[in-house]
């Protein structure tokens, strides 16, 4: 090749490199410019808050409170959509398959961390298919009985269950729900046998115990407190390691003779993976703002819940820990729902 040809090749190559460099710079500039634009525009239409549970349970109660506050703060409607079934997996799959545009958000509970251990194969990956937004609140479960039950504490309940094995019925929001897992862990550690009655959601499960169809239930404190205050349910123990300021006279399950027992419920928000970071950041900021309002903290505290509002990164670590912890517990108990 002569020197003139080499020179032409070098010139052409340099020109191509400059064009690529200019195009790359333009793409980067457009991406950088679009981020603030997305942040400023989002949201510009209604947001669907997808709940993988039936109406009436603890998740539903808190989600409706948060949706009303988010509607006020964001200036667009935040609409609740209940899609219950299969321990929360049906609604969770729907959320995972939704467009990652910030307009479908999953509002779920601790059952999110149970399902990887309960199901042989899930139709979604809880870690890969979702982007954490924030942990909204943590809440104890409350071991409660129908007022007609002749027991006022854990020792009396355990004694009665041993005297009448399988004759006492306990309700749950479905196999694998947080209410179910809290009860199963109790039965295992207390070495007693009761009969499980699964319902399609926490709301129907509460109706079951109130009607006397079941006698025992482990609801979250948030859903149980109004019924406890009205005398329609009798609380005999709390599921956490320490007592709750909301019910200071109710002992923990562990101090009542079942050492090692600890089951804490929680509520949180996730977005489908691929959702713009600007949308996640906006939702996180608004949720934290709501949780920092004194009235919100007081409301949650009165129901036994503790407001959290951690960062997406902190919440991601929490979820991974919960999945690992409960998968081990579930496998040790040899539980499966499929």
Foldseek 3Di string as FASTA:
>chain_A
DDPVVVVVVVVVVVVVVVVVVVVVVVVVVVVVVVLVVLLVPPPVEEAEAEEQADPQAPLNVVVVVVQVLCCVVRVYHYHYDYNYDDQSQVRVLVQLPDDQALRYKYKYKLLLLQVVQAAPDGPDDSQQFWFFQFFFWKFWWFKKWFPVDPDQADVVVLVVQVVPPQPAEEEDLAPSYLFNVLVLVLCVLSVGHYHYDHHRHPRVRVVCRLVVVGTITTGTLLSCVVCVVVVRIRTHAIQAPADAPLCNVHYHPCVRPRNPGHRMMTIGMIHTPPRDPSSSVVVLVSSVVQCPPPVNQVSQSNSRMHTDSDGSVVVSVVSVVSNVVNSVVCVVSPHYDD
